C-alpha atoms as a PDB file:
ATOM      1  CA  MET A   1      90.430 115.894  88.728  1.00  0.00           C
ATOM      2  CA  ASP A   2      88.474 112.657  89.044  1.00  0.00           C
ATOM      3  CA  ILE A   3      88.212 110.796  92.346  1.00  0.00           C
ATOM      4  CA  ASN A   4      90.353 107.865  91.166  1.00  0.00           C
ATOM      5  CA  ALA A   5      93.205 110.258  90.410  1.00  0.00           C
ATOM      6  CA  VAL A   6      92.748 111.931  93.811  1.00  0.00           C
ATOM      7  CA  VAL A   7      92.878 108.600  95.639  1.00  0.00           C
ATOM      8  CA  GLY A   8      95.888 107.514  93.591  1.00  0.00           C
ATOM      9  CA  LYS A   9      97.815 110.678  94.311  1.00  0.00           C
ATOM     10  CA  ASN A  10      97.040 110.451  98.025  1.00  0.00           C
ATOM     11  CA  VAL A  11      97.961 106.762  98.250  1.00  0.00           C
ATOM     12  CA  LYS A  12     101.287 107.452  96.559  1.00  0.00           C
ATOM     13  CA  HIS A  13     101.964 110.452  98.818  1.00  0.00           C
ATOM     14  CA  HIS A  14     101.264 108.519 102.030  1.00  0.00           C
ATOM     15  CA  ARG A  15     103.109 105.422 100.772  1.00  0.00           C
ATOM     16  CA  GLU A  16     106.247 107.430 100.009  1.00  0.00           C
ATOM     17  CA  ALA A  17     105.970 109.354 103.304  1.00  0.00           C
ATOM     18  CA  LYS A  18     105.925 106.010 105.125  1.00  0.00           C
ATOM     19  CA  GLY A  19     108.921 104.809 103.101  1.00  0.00           C
ATOM     20  CA  PHE A  20     107.016 101.878 101.590  1.00  0.00           C
ATOM     21  CA  SER A  21     107.547 100.437  98.145  1.00  0.00           C
ATOM     22  CA  GLN A  22     104.446  99.428  96.204  1.00  0.00           C
ATOM     23  CA  GLU A  23     105.328  95.835  97.058  1.00  0.00           C
ATOM     24  CA  GLN A  24     105.482  96.577 100.793  1.00  0.00           C
ATOM     25  CA  LEU A  25     102.142  98.379 100.706  1.00  0.00           C
ATOM     26  CA  ALA A  26     100.599  95.528  98.738  1.00  0.00           C
ATOM     27  CA  PHE A  27     101.809  93.036 101.351  1.00  0.00           C
ATOM     28  CA  GLU A  28     100.518  95.125 104.266  1.00  0.00           C
ATOM     29  CA  ALA A  29      97.119  95.676 102.609  1.00  0.00           C
ATOM     30  CA  ASP A  30      96.851  92.083 101.305  1.00  0.00           C
ATOM     31  CA  LEU A  31      96.632  93.265  97.695  1.00  0.00           C
ATOM     32  CA  HIS A  32      98.699  92.665  94.561  1.00  0.00           C
ATOM     33  CA  ARG A  33     101.478  95.108  93.662  1.00  0.00           C
ATOM     34  CA  THR A  34     100.010  95.690  90.209  1.00  0.00           C
ATOM     35  CA  TYR A  35      96.721  96.695  91.847  1.00  0.00           C
ATOM     36  CA  ILE A  36      98.582  99.301  93.944  1.00  0.00           C
ATOM     37  CA  SER A  37     100.210 100.585  90.754  1.00  0.00           C
ATOM     38  CA  GLY A  38      96.811 100.882  89.073  1.00  0.00           C
ATOM     39  CA  VAL A  39      95.347 102.746  92.039  1.00  0.00           C
ATOM     40  CA  GLU A  40      98.269 105.189  92.086  1.00  0.00           C
ATOM     41  CA  ARG A  41      97.912 105.823  88.347  1.00  0.00           C
ATOM     42  CA  GLY A  42      94.177 106.424  88.734  1.00  0.00           C
ATOM     43  CA  VAL A  43      93.173 103.574  86.430  1.00  0.00           C
ATOM     44  CA  ARG A  44      91.660 101.394  89.170  1.00  0.00           C
ATOM     45  CA  ASN A  45      88.389 102.192  90.896  1.00  0.00           C
ATOM     46  CA  PRO A  46      89.009 101.064  94.498  1.00  0.00           C
ATOM     47  CA  THR A  47      86.013 100.083  96.602  1.00  0.00           C
ATOM     48  CA  VAL A  48      85.393 101.425 100.087  1.00  0.00           C
ATOM     49  CA  LEU A  49      86.802  98.150 101.460  1.00  0.00           C
ATOM     50  CA  ILE A  50      90.032  98.592  99.459  1.00  0.00           C
ATOM     51  CA  ILE A  51      90.346 102.231 100.559  1.00  0.00           C
ATOM     52  CA  ALA A  52      89.944 101.070 104.174  1.00  0.00           C
ATOM     53  CA  LYS A  53      92.620  98.374 103.718  1.00  0.00           C
ATOM     54  CA  LEU A  54      95.031 100.859 102.149  1.00  0.00           C
ATOM     55  CA  ALA A  55      94.393 103.447 104.857  1.00  0.00           C
ATOM     56  CA  ASP A  56      94.964 100.862 107.586  1.00  0.00           C
ATOM     57  CA  ALA A  57      98.227  99.724 105.983  1.00  0.00           C
ATOM     58  CA  LEU A  58      99.356 103.350 105.663  1.00  0.00           C
ATOM     59  CA  GLY A  59      98.306 104.275 109.202  1.00  0.00           C
ATOM     60  CA  VAL A  60      95.912 107.030 108.119  1.00  0.00           C
ATOM     61  CA  LYS A  61      92.148 107.548 108.219  1.00  0.00           C
ATOM     62  CA  PRO A  62      90.340 106.525 105.018  1.00  0.00           C
ATOM     63  CA  SER A  63      89.193 110.131 104.591  1.00  0.00           C
ATOM     64  CA  LYS A  64      92.847 111.155 104.094  1.00  0.00           C
ATOM     65  CA  LEU A  65      92.901 109.132 100.873  1.00  0.00           C
ATOM     66  CA  LEU A  66      89.866 111.017  99.561  1.00  0.00           C
ATOM     67  CA  GLU A  67      91.011 114.567 100.323  1.00  0.00           C
ATOM     68  CA  LEU A  68      91.258 117.050  97.479  1.00  0.00           C
ATOM     69  CA  GLU A  69      94.176 119.476  97.364  1.00  0.00           C
ATOM     70  CA  GLU A  70      93.312 122.973  98.463  1.00  0.00           C
END
């Protein structure tokens, strides 16, 4: 699994656990909803800054968005 897919899966998991829509997460992270969609689908390559913004909006550490499944 490539890292973009890992980040996307983790963002979606934490977003849904928080009860956020993509639009709500986009607002909280100051990003566009279509960018969130691209991240979740693994087609966007988020920078460290974007990962930090997403993690902050989701209330998790950035490392949580990079974790591989065991």
